[in-house]
N, C-alpha and C. Protein backbone atom coordinates (compact mmCIF):
# COMPACT_ATOMS: atom_id res chain seq x y z
N MET A 1 -0.33 -20.67 2.57
CA MET A 1 -0.86 -19.72 3.54
C MET A 1 -0.25 -18.34 3.27
N ALA A 2 -1.08 -17.32 3.31
CA ALA A 2 -0.63 -15.96 3.04
C ALA A 2 0.20 -15.43 4.19
N LEU A 3 1.23 -14.68 3.85
CA LEU A 3 2.04 -14.01 4.86
C LEU A 3 1.24 -12.84 5.42
N THR A 4 1.38 -12.61 6.72
CA THR A 4 0.72 -11.47 7.34
C THR A 4 1.73 -10.35 7.52
N VAL A 5 1.36 -9.18 7.03
CA VAL A 5 2.15 -7.97 7.21
C VAL A 5 1.40 -7.12 8.22
N LEU A 6 1.99 -6.95 9.40
CA LEU A 6 1.39 -6.13 10.44
C LEU A 6 1.87 -4.70 10.24
N VAL A 7 0.94 -3.81 9.95
CA VAL A 7 1.25 -2.44 9.57
C VAL A 7 1.04 -1.52 10.77
N ASP A 8 2.06 -0.72 11.09
CA ASP A 8 1.92 0.21 12.21
C ASP A 8 1.23 1.49 11.74
N THR A 9 1.02 2.40 12.67
CA THR A 9 0.23 3.60 12.40
C THR A 9 0.81 4.47 11.30
N CYS A 10 2.09 4.80 11.39
CA CYS A 10 2.67 5.72 10.39
C CYS A 10 2.63 5.11 8.99
N THR A 11 2.90 3.83 8.90
CA THR A 11 2.90 3.18 7.58
C THR A 11 1.48 3.05 7.05
N LEU A 12 0.52 2.77 7.92
CA LEU A 12 -0.87 2.69 7.47
C LEU A 12 -1.33 4.03 6.92
N ILE A 13 -1.01 5.11 7.60
CA ILE A 13 -1.40 6.44 7.11
C ILE A 13 -0.75 6.71 5.76
N ASN A 14 0.51 6.34 5.60
CA ASN A 14 1.19 6.52 4.31
C ASN A 14 0.47 5.74 3.21
N LEU A 15 0.11 4.49 3.50
CA LEU A 15 -0.55 3.66 2.49
C LEU A 15 -1.97 4.14 2.21
N LEU A 16 -2.67 4.62 3.22
CA LEU A 16 -4.00 5.18 3.00
C LEU A 16 -3.93 6.43 2.12
N ALA A 17 -2.87 7.19 2.27
CA ALA A 17 -2.70 8.40 1.47
C ALA A 17 -2.60 8.10 -0.02
N THR A 18 -2.16 6.89 -0.36
CA THR A 18 -2.02 6.53 -1.78
C THR A 18 -3.36 6.40 -2.47
N GLY A 19 -4.40 6.07 -1.72
CA GLY A 19 -5.69 5.77 -2.33
C GLY A 19 -5.69 4.40 -2.98
N GLU A 20 -4.62 3.62 -2.75
CA GLU A 20 -4.43 2.31 -3.40
C GLU A 20 -4.09 1.23 -2.38
N LEU A 21 -4.64 1.32 -1.18
CA LEU A 21 -4.25 0.39 -0.12
C LEU A 21 -4.40 -1.07 -0.55
N GLU A 22 -5.54 -1.42 -1.12
CA GLU A 22 -5.75 -2.82 -1.51
C GLU A 22 -4.75 -3.24 -2.57
N ALA A 23 -4.49 -2.38 -3.52
CA ALA A 23 -3.56 -2.72 -4.61
C ALA A 23 -2.13 -2.87 -4.13
N THR A 24 -1.74 -2.14 -3.08
CA THR A 24 -0.35 -2.18 -2.65
C THR A 24 0.01 -3.42 -1.84
N ARG A 25 -0.98 -4.23 -1.49
CA ARG A 25 -0.65 -5.48 -0.78
C ARG A 25 0.18 -6.35 -1.71
N SER A 26 1.24 -6.90 -1.17
CA SER A 26 2.11 -7.78 -1.96
C SER A 26 1.35 -9.05 -2.30
N MET A 27 1.74 -9.65 -3.40
CA MET A 27 1.14 -10.92 -3.79
C MET A 27 1.35 -11.93 -2.66
N GLY A 28 0.31 -12.63 -2.29
CA GLY A 28 0.42 -13.66 -1.28
C GLY A 28 0.52 -13.15 0.14
N SER A 29 0.24 -11.88 0.38
CA SER A 29 0.27 -11.36 1.74
C SER A 29 -1.06 -10.69 2.07
N ARG A 30 -1.29 -10.56 3.37
CA ARG A 30 -2.47 -9.83 3.81
C ARG A 30 -2.03 -8.79 4.81
N PHE A 31 -2.72 -7.66 4.84
CA PHE A 31 -2.41 -6.59 5.76
C PHE A 31 -3.26 -6.73 7.02
N ALA A 32 -2.62 -6.54 8.16
CA ALA A 32 -3.31 -6.52 9.44
C ALA A 32 -2.81 -5.31 10.22
N ILE A 33 -3.64 -4.87 11.14
CA ILE A 33 -3.25 -3.81 12.08
C ILE A 33 -3.64 -4.28 13.47
N CYS A 34 -2.99 -3.72 14.47
CA CYS A 34 -3.37 -4.05 15.83
C CYS A 34 -4.40 -3.05 16.32
N SER A 35 -5.05 -3.37 17.42
CA SER A 35 -6.12 -2.53 17.93
C SER A 35 -5.64 -1.12 18.30
N ALA A 36 -4.40 -0.97 18.74
CA ALA A 36 -3.87 0.36 19.06
C ALA A 36 -3.74 1.22 17.80
N VAL A 37 -3.35 0.63 16.69
CA VAL A 37 -3.24 1.36 15.43
C VAL A 37 -4.62 1.81 14.97
N LEU A 38 -5.61 0.98 15.18
CA LEU A 38 -6.98 1.32 14.83
C LEU A 38 -7.40 2.62 15.53
N LYS A 39 -7.01 2.76 16.79
CA LYS A 39 -7.37 3.95 17.57
C LYS A 39 -6.54 5.18 17.17
N GLU A 40 -5.32 4.98 16.69
CA GLU A 40 -4.43 6.10 16.38
C GLU A 40 -4.60 6.66 14.97
N THR A 41 -5.22 5.91 14.09
CA THR A 41 -5.36 6.32 12.70
C THR A 41 -6.62 7.16 12.57
N ILE A 42 -6.44 8.48 12.61
CA ILE A 42 -7.59 9.39 12.73
C ILE A 42 -7.86 10.17 11.45
N TYR A 43 -6.84 10.75 10.84
CA TYR A 43 -7.09 11.58 9.66
C TYR A 43 -5.90 11.62 8.72
N LEU A 44 -6.21 12.08 7.50
CA LEU A 44 -5.20 12.38 6.49
C LEU A 44 -5.24 13.86 6.22
N ARG A 45 -4.13 14.42 5.87
CA ARG A 45 -4.13 15.82 5.46
C ARG A 45 -4.93 15.94 4.16
N PRO A 46 -5.57 17.08 3.96
CA PRO A 46 -6.40 17.24 2.76
C PRO A 46 -5.57 17.33 1.49
N GLU A 47 -6.19 17.00 0.37
CA GLU A 47 -5.48 17.12 -0.91
C GLU A 47 -5.27 18.58 -1.28
N ASN A 48 -6.21 19.45 -0.88
CA ASN A 48 -6.11 20.87 -1.19
C ASN A 48 -5.81 21.66 0.07
N ALA A 49 -4.78 22.48 0.01
CA ALA A 49 -4.42 23.32 1.16
C ALA A 49 -5.62 24.17 1.55
N GLY A 50 -5.82 24.30 2.84
CA GLY A 50 -6.92 25.10 3.34
C GLY A 50 -8.17 24.29 3.63
N ASP A 51 -8.29 23.09 3.06
CA ASP A 51 -9.42 22.22 3.36
C ASP A 51 -9.19 21.56 4.71
N PRO A 52 -10.27 21.15 5.38
CA PRO A 52 -10.08 20.44 6.65
C PRO A 52 -9.50 19.05 6.41
N PRO A 53 -8.88 18.47 7.44
CA PRO A 53 -8.35 17.10 7.30
C PRO A 53 -9.47 16.12 6.96
N ASP A 54 -9.11 15.06 6.27
CA ASP A 54 -10.06 14.00 5.93
C ASP A 54 -10.05 12.95 7.03
N SER A 55 -11.20 12.69 7.62
CA SER A 55 -11.31 11.63 8.64
C SER A 55 -11.10 10.27 7.98
N ILE A 56 -10.46 9.39 8.72
CA ILE A 56 -10.22 8.03 8.24
C ILE A 56 -11.22 7.10 8.89
N ASP A 57 -11.90 6.32 8.07
CA ASP A 57 -12.82 5.30 8.56
C ASP A 57 -12.27 3.95 8.13
N ILE A 58 -11.71 3.22 9.08
CA ILE A 58 -11.09 1.92 8.81
C ILE A 58 -12.14 0.82 8.63
N ALA A 59 -13.33 1.02 9.20
CA ALA A 59 -14.36 -0.04 9.21
C ALA A 59 -14.62 -0.64 7.82
N PRO A 60 -14.81 0.14 6.76
CA PRO A 60 -15.06 -0.49 5.45
C PRO A 60 -13.89 -1.37 4.98
N LEU A 61 -12.67 -0.98 5.32
CA LEU A 61 -11.51 -1.78 4.93
C LEU A 61 -11.46 -3.10 5.69
N VAL A 62 -11.90 -3.08 6.93
CA VAL A 62 -11.95 -4.30 7.73
C VAL A 62 -13.08 -5.19 7.23
N HIS A 63 -14.26 -4.60 7.01
CA HIS A 63 -15.42 -5.38 6.55
C HIS A 63 -15.18 -6.01 5.19
N SER A 64 -14.43 -5.35 4.32
CA SER A 64 -14.17 -5.89 2.98
C SER A 64 -13.01 -6.88 2.97
N GLY A 65 -12.29 -6.98 4.08
CA GLY A 65 -11.17 -7.92 4.16
C GLY A 65 -9.84 -7.36 3.71
N VAL A 66 -9.79 -6.08 3.37
CA VAL A 66 -8.53 -5.45 2.98
C VAL A 66 -7.58 -5.42 4.18
N LEU A 67 -8.13 -5.17 5.35
CA LEU A 67 -7.36 -5.15 6.61
C LEU A 67 -8.03 -6.08 7.61
N SER A 68 -7.22 -6.70 8.43
CA SER A 68 -7.77 -7.40 9.59
C SER A 68 -7.19 -6.73 10.83
N VAL A 69 -7.90 -6.87 11.94
CA VAL A 69 -7.47 -6.24 13.19
C VAL A 69 -7.18 -7.34 14.20
N CYS A 70 -6.03 -7.24 14.86
CA CYS A 70 -5.68 -8.22 15.88
C CYS A 70 -5.40 -7.50 17.20
N SER A 71 -5.60 -8.22 18.27
CA SER A 71 -5.37 -7.71 19.62
C SER A 71 -4.35 -8.60 20.31
N LEU A 72 -3.88 -8.13 21.44
CA LEU A 72 -2.97 -8.94 22.24
C LEU A 72 -3.70 -10.21 22.67
N GLU A 73 -3.04 -11.37 22.53
CA GLU A 73 -3.70 -12.64 22.80
C GLU A 73 -3.06 -13.46 23.91
N SER A 74 -1.92 -13.04 24.39
CA SER A 74 -1.26 -13.85 25.42
C SER A 74 -0.54 -12.95 26.42
N GLU A 75 -0.19 -13.55 27.52
CA GLU A 75 0.56 -12.82 28.54
C GLU A 75 1.92 -12.38 27.98
N GLU A 76 2.54 -13.24 27.17
CA GLU A 76 3.83 -12.89 26.58
C GLU A 76 3.70 -11.65 25.69
N GLU A 77 2.65 -11.59 24.88
CA GLU A 77 2.44 -10.40 24.04
C GLU A 77 2.19 -9.17 24.90
N GLU A 78 1.43 -9.32 25.97
CA GLU A 78 1.16 -8.19 26.86
C GLU A 78 2.44 -7.66 27.49
N LEU A 79 3.31 -8.58 27.94
CA LEU A 79 4.57 -8.17 28.56
C LEU A 79 5.49 -7.49 27.54
N LEU A 80 5.55 -8.03 26.34
CA LEU A 80 6.34 -7.39 25.29
C LEU A 80 5.80 -5.99 24.98
N TYR A 81 4.48 -5.88 24.89
CA TYR A 81 3.85 -4.58 24.63
C TYR A 81 4.20 -3.57 25.71
N ILE A 82 4.10 -3.97 26.95
CA ILE A 82 4.42 -3.07 28.07
C ILE A 82 5.88 -2.61 27.97
N ASP A 83 6.76 -3.54 27.67
CA ASP A 83 8.18 -3.21 27.53
C ASP A 83 8.40 -2.21 26.38
N TYR A 84 7.82 -2.50 25.23
CA TYR A 84 7.99 -1.60 24.07
C TYR A 84 7.30 -0.25 24.28
N ALA A 85 6.18 -0.24 25.02
CA ALA A 85 5.44 1.00 25.23
C ALA A 85 6.22 2.02 26.06
N SER A 86 7.23 1.55 26.78
CA SER A 86 8.07 2.49 27.53
C SER A 86 9.03 3.23 26.60
N GLN A 87 9.13 2.76 25.35
CA GLN A 87 10.08 3.35 24.40
C GLN A 87 9.43 3.89 23.13
N LEU A 88 8.19 3.47 22.85
CA LEU A 88 7.53 3.80 21.59
C LEU A 88 6.08 4.21 21.83
N ASP A 89 5.44 4.78 20.81
CA ASP A 89 4.01 5.04 20.88
C ASP A 89 3.26 3.71 20.92
N ASP A 90 2.02 3.75 21.39
CA ASP A 90 1.25 2.52 21.57
C ASP A 90 1.11 1.70 20.30
N GLY A 91 0.83 2.33 19.17
CA GLY A 91 0.65 1.58 17.92
C GLY A 91 1.90 0.83 17.51
N GLU A 92 3.04 1.48 17.60
CA GLU A 92 4.30 0.82 17.27
C GLU A 92 4.62 -0.27 18.28
N ALA A 93 4.40 0.03 19.57
CA ALA A 93 4.72 -0.93 20.63
C ALA A 93 3.88 -2.20 20.50
N MET A 94 2.58 -2.05 20.29
CA MET A 94 1.73 -3.24 20.15
C MET A 94 2.04 -3.98 18.86
N SER A 95 2.31 -3.25 17.79
CA SER A 95 2.66 -3.90 16.52
C SER A 95 3.93 -4.73 16.67
N LEU A 96 4.95 -4.19 17.33
CA LEU A 96 6.18 -4.94 17.54
C LEU A 96 5.93 -6.20 18.36
N ALA A 97 5.17 -6.07 19.44
CA ALA A 97 4.91 -7.21 20.31
C ALA A 97 4.21 -8.33 19.55
N ILE A 98 3.18 -7.99 18.81
CA ILE A 98 2.41 -9.00 18.09
C ILE A 98 3.23 -9.59 16.94
N ALA A 99 3.88 -8.74 16.15
CA ALA A 99 4.68 -9.25 15.02
C ALA A 99 5.80 -10.14 15.51
N ARG A 100 6.45 -9.74 16.57
CA ARG A 100 7.55 -10.54 17.12
C ARG A 100 7.05 -11.91 17.59
N ARG A 101 5.99 -11.92 18.35
CA ARG A 101 5.49 -13.16 18.95
C ARG A 101 4.88 -14.10 17.91
N ARG A 102 4.19 -13.55 16.91
CA ARG A 102 3.46 -14.40 15.96
C ARG A 102 4.22 -14.68 14.67
N GLY A 103 5.41 -14.11 14.54
CA GLY A 103 6.20 -14.36 13.34
C GLY A 103 5.74 -13.59 12.13
N PHE A 104 5.01 -12.48 12.35
CA PHE A 104 4.53 -11.65 11.24
C PHE A 104 5.66 -10.78 10.69
N ILE A 105 5.47 -10.30 9.49
CA ILE A 105 6.32 -9.25 8.94
C ILE A 105 5.83 -7.94 9.52
N LEU A 106 6.74 -7.08 9.92
CA LEU A 106 6.38 -5.77 10.47
C LEU A 106 6.64 -4.69 9.43
N ALA A 107 5.63 -3.86 9.19
CA ALA A 107 5.78 -2.71 8.30
C ALA A 107 5.80 -1.46 9.16
N THR A 108 6.96 -0.81 9.24
CA THR A 108 7.10 0.43 10.02
C THR A 108 8.16 1.31 9.38
N ASP A 109 7.98 2.61 9.55
CA ASP A 109 8.98 3.58 9.11
C ASP A 109 9.66 4.24 10.31
N ASP A 110 9.25 3.88 11.50
CA ASP A 110 9.83 4.43 12.72
C ASP A 110 11.20 3.79 12.95
N ARG A 111 12.24 4.60 12.93
CA ARG A 111 13.61 4.07 13.03
C ARG A 111 13.86 3.32 14.33
N LYS A 112 13.36 3.85 15.43
CA LYS A 112 13.58 3.17 16.71
C LYS A 112 12.83 1.83 16.73
N ALA A 113 11.62 1.82 16.22
CA ALA A 113 10.86 0.57 16.14
C ALA A 113 11.59 -0.44 15.25
N GLN A 114 12.14 0.03 14.15
CA GLN A 114 12.88 -0.86 13.26
C GLN A 114 14.08 -1.47 13.99
N ARG A 115 14.82 -0.62 14.69
CA ARG A 115 16.00 -1.09 15.41
C ARG A 115 15.63 -2.11 16.48
N LEU A 116 14.61 -1.81 17.27
CA LEU A 116 14.20 -2.72 18.34
C LEU A 116 13.70 -4.05 17.78
N PHE A 117 12.96 -4.00 16.68
CA PHE A 117 12.45 -5.23 16.09
C PHE A 117 13.59 -6.09 15.56
N LEU A 118 14.52 -5.47 14.85
CA LEU A 118 15.65 -6.25 14.32
C LEU A 118 16.53 -6.82 15.43
N GLU A 119 16.70 -6.07 16.50
CA GLU A 119 17.47 -6.60 17.63
C GLU A 119 16.78 -7.83 18.21
N ALA A 120 15.47 -7.85 18.22
CA ALA A 120 14.73 -8.95 18.81
C ALA A 120 14.61 -10.16 17.89
N VAL A 121 14.38 -9.94 16.59
CA VAL A 121 14.12 -11.07 15.70
C VAL A 121 15.31 -11.43 14.83
N GLY A 122 16.19 -10.47 14.56
CA GLY A 122 17.39 -10.74 13.79
C GLY A 122 17.18 -11.14 12.34
N ASP A 123 16.02 -10.90 11.79
CA ASP A 123 15.71 -11.31 10.42
C ASP A 123 15.21 -10.11 9.63
N THR A 124 16.07 -9.57 8.78
CA THR A 124 15.70 -8.38 8.01
C THR A 124 14.54 -8.64 7.04
N ALA A 125 14.29 -9.89 6.69
CA ALA A 125 13.18 -10.22 5.79
C ALA A 125 11.83 -10.01 6.47
N ARG A 126 11.83 -9.89 7.78
CA ARG A 126 10.57 -9.67 8.52
C ARG A 126 10.30 -8.20 8.80
N LEU A 127 11.08 -7.30 8.20
CA LEU A 127 10.91 -5.88 8.42
C LEU A 127 10.84 -5.17 7.08
N ILE A 128 9.74 -4.44 6.85
CA ILE A 128 9.59 -3.66 5.61
C ILE A 128 9.11 -2.26 5.96
N SER A 129 9.17 -1.39 4.97
CA SER A 129 8.79 0.01 5.15
C SER A 129 7.83 0.45 4.06
N THR A 130 7.36 1.66 4.16
CA THR A 130 6.47 2.22 3.12
C THR A 130 7.14 2.14 1.76
N SER A 131 8.40 2.54 1.68
CA SER A 131 9.07 2.53 0.38
C SER A 131 9.21 1.12 -0.17
N ASP A 132 9.43 0.13 0.69
CA ASP A 132 9.49 -1.27 0.25
C ASP A 132 8.16 -1.70 -0.35
N ILE A 133 7.07 -1.38 0.34
CA ILE A 133 5.74 -1.78 -0.11
C ILE A 133 5.40 -1.13 -1.44
N VAL A 134 5.62 0.17 -1.53
CA VAL A 134 5.27 0.90 -2.76
C VAL A 134 6.15 0.43 -3.92
N ARG A 135 7.43 0.25 -3.66
CA ARG A 135 8.32 -0.19 -4.74
C ARG A 135 7.97 -1.60 -5.22
N ASN A 136 7.73 -2.51 -4.28
CA ASN A 136 7.36 -3.88 -4.64
C ASN A 136 6.07 -3.89 -5.47
N TRP A 137 5.09 -3.13 -5.03
CA TRP A 137 3.81 -3.03 -5.75
C TRP A 137 4.04 -2.48 -7.15
N ALA A 138 4.77 -1.38 -7.25
CA ALA A 138 4.98 -0.73 -8.54
C ALA A 138 5.72 -1.65 -9.51
N GLU A 139 6.73 -2.33 -9.03
CA GLU A 139 7.52 -3.19 -9.91
C GLU A 139 6.77 -4.47 -10.26
N SER A 140 6.06 -5.06 -9.31
CA SER A 140 5.35 -6.31 -9.60
C SER A 140 4.13 -6.10 -10.49
N ARG A 141 3.53 -4.93 -10.40
CA ARG A 141 2.34 -4.63 -11.21
C ARG A 141 2.65 -3.77 -12.42
N GLN A 142 3.92 -3.45 -12.61
CA GLN A 142 4.36 -2.61 -13.73
C GLN A 142 3.53 -1.32 -13.80
N VAL A 143 3.47 -0.64 -12.68
CA VAL A 143 2.72 0.61 -12.58
C VAL A 143 3.40 1.67 -13.44
N SER A 144 2.61 2.42 -14.17
CA SER A 144 3.16 3.45 -15.05
C SER A 144 3.89 4.52 -14.23
N ALA A 145 4.86 5.15 -14.86
CA ALA A 145 5.63 6.21 -14.20
C ALA A 145 4.72 7.33 -13.74
N GLU A 146 3.74 7.66 -14.55
CA GLU A 146 2.81 8.74 -14.21
C GLU A 146 1.99 8.40 -12.96
N LYS A 147 1.45 7.19 -12.92
CA LYS A 147 0.66 6.79 -11.76
C LYS A 147 1.53 6.70 -10.51
N LEU A 148 2.73 6.15 -10.65
CA LEU A 148 3.63 6.04 -9.51
C LEU A 148 4.01 7.41 -8.97
N SER A 149 4.25 8.34 -9.85
CA SER A 149 4.56 9.70 -9.44
C SER A 149 3.39 10.30 -8.64
N THR A 150 2.17 10.05 -9.08
CA THR A 150 0.99 10.53 -8.38
C THR A 150 0.89 9.90 -6.99
N ILE A 151 1.15 8.60 -6.91
CA ILE A 151 1.08 7.89 -5.63
C ILE A 151 2.10 8.45 -4.64
N VAL A 152 3.32 8.61 -5.08
CA VAL A 152 4.38 9.15 -4.21
C VAL A 152 4.02 10.57 -3.78
N HIS A 153 3.50 11.36 -4.69
CA HIS A 153 3.09 12.73 -4.36
C HIS A 153 2.00 12.72 -3.28
N ARG A 154 1.05 11.81 -3.39
CA ARG A 154 -0.01 11.72 -2.38
C ARG A 154 0.57 11.39 -1.01
N ILE A 155 1.53 10.47 -0.97
CA ILE A 155 2.14 10.11 0.31
C ILE A 155 2.86 11.31 0.92
N VAL A 156 3.60 12.01 0.10
CA VAL A 156 4.34 13.19 0.58
C VAL A 156 3.39 14.28 1.05
N GLN A 157 2.35 14.56 0.28
CA GLN A 157 1.43 15.65 0.61
C GLN A 157 0.44 15.30 1.71
N ARG A 158 -0.20 14.14 1.62
CA ARG A 158 -1.28 13.81 2.54
C ARG A 158 -0.80 13.17 3.83
N ALA A 159 0.35 12.49 3.81
CA ALA A 159 0.87 11.84 5.02
C ALA A 159 2.13 12.53 5.54
N ARG A 160 2.64 13.47 4.76
CA ARG A 160 3.88 14.19 5.12
C ARG A 160 5.03 13.22 5.37
N PHE A 161 5.19 12.27 4.45
CA PHE A 161 6.23 11.28 4.61
C PHE A 161 7.16 11.27 3.40
N ALA A 162 8.42 11.16 3.70
CA ALA A 162 9.46 10.85 2.71
C ALA A 162 10.46 9.95 3.43
N PRO A 163 10.98 8.95 2.75
CA PRO A 163 11.93 8.06 3.43
C PRO A 163 13.18 8.81 3.88
N PRO A 164 13.80 8.36 4.96
CA PRO A 164 15.04 8.99 5.40
C PRO A 164 16.17 8.70 4.41
N HIS A 165 17.23 9.47 4.49
CA HIS A 165 18.39 9.28 3.60
C HIS A 165 19.00 7.89 3.71
N SER A 166 18.81 7.24 4.86
CA SER A 166 19.37 5.90 5.07
C SER A 166 18.52 4.79 4.47
N ASP A 167 17.33 5.11 3.99
CA ASP A 167 16.44 4.10 3.42
C ASP A 167 17.07 3.49 2.16
N PRO A 168 17.11 2.17 2.06
CA PRO A 168 17.71 1.52 0.87
C PRO A 168 17.02 1.90 -0.44
N ASN A 169 15.78 2.38 -0.37
CA ASN A 169 15.03 2.76 -1.57
C ASN A 169 15.05 4.26 -1.84
N ILE A 170 15.88 5.01 -1.15
CA ILE A 170 15.83 6.47 -1.27
C ILE A 170 16.12 6.95 -2.69
N ARG A 171 17.08 6.37 -3.34
CA ARG A 171 17.39 6.80 -4.72
C ARG A 171 16.19 6.50 -5.63
N TRP A 172 15.60 5.31 -5.52
CA TRP A 172 14.43 4.95 -6.31
C TRP A 172 13.29 5.93 -6.03
N TRP A 173 13.03 6.21 -4.74
CA TRP A 173 11.94 7.13 -4.34
C TRP A 173 12.13 8.49 -4.99
N ARG A 174 13.34 9.00 -4.93
CA ARG A 174 13.61 10.32 -5.54
C ARG A 174 13.43 10.30 -7.04
N ASP A 175 13.82 9.18 -7.66
CA ASP A 175 13.70 9.06 -9.12
C ASP A 175 12.24 9.04 -9.56
N VAL A 176 11.34 8.48 -8.74
CA VAL A 176 9.93 8.40 -9.13
C VAL A 176 9.11 9.57 -8.59
N SER A 177 9.70 10.39 -7.74
CA SER A 177 8.98 11.53 -7.18
C SER A 177 8.75 12.60 -8.23
N PRO A 178 7.61 13.29 -8.10
CA PRO A 178 7.31 14.36 -9.07
C PRO A 178 8.24 15.55 -8.91
């Protein structure tokens, strides 16, 4: 059975910026998002300065099976969501509630969401970030240095993301950055 990686809003936008969302899925895993993330994922910054933002249409990714969408399914998930929503944005809060309850891996770059999730589940193997996903993909697929540099550049430019200094992959990220 494939592992489910529940991707929150910020991480989804980072992965969409790569233009390689399907390719970045780890071997044996599938990407899912919660319904709140679906509503929050609106646009990417343009590739060229001065152009309007690019609207994001998740529907083709869902229809092709690249992403699946899940909603709250139990009272326990609803209560967890309400609790997390007092501390986080809706996409992160719902992602934490569902990932925690269903045993999914959570993909988030939000530090507070990471801390809350680890406090609740206590298993670092169930928490990944954008840099983890990109690094795993690049190493497992032996992505060329040139292509990897382009991918990282897209994330930085189109999603305005760079891992924090505390990220375990920060040295690797800097080494592959253009």
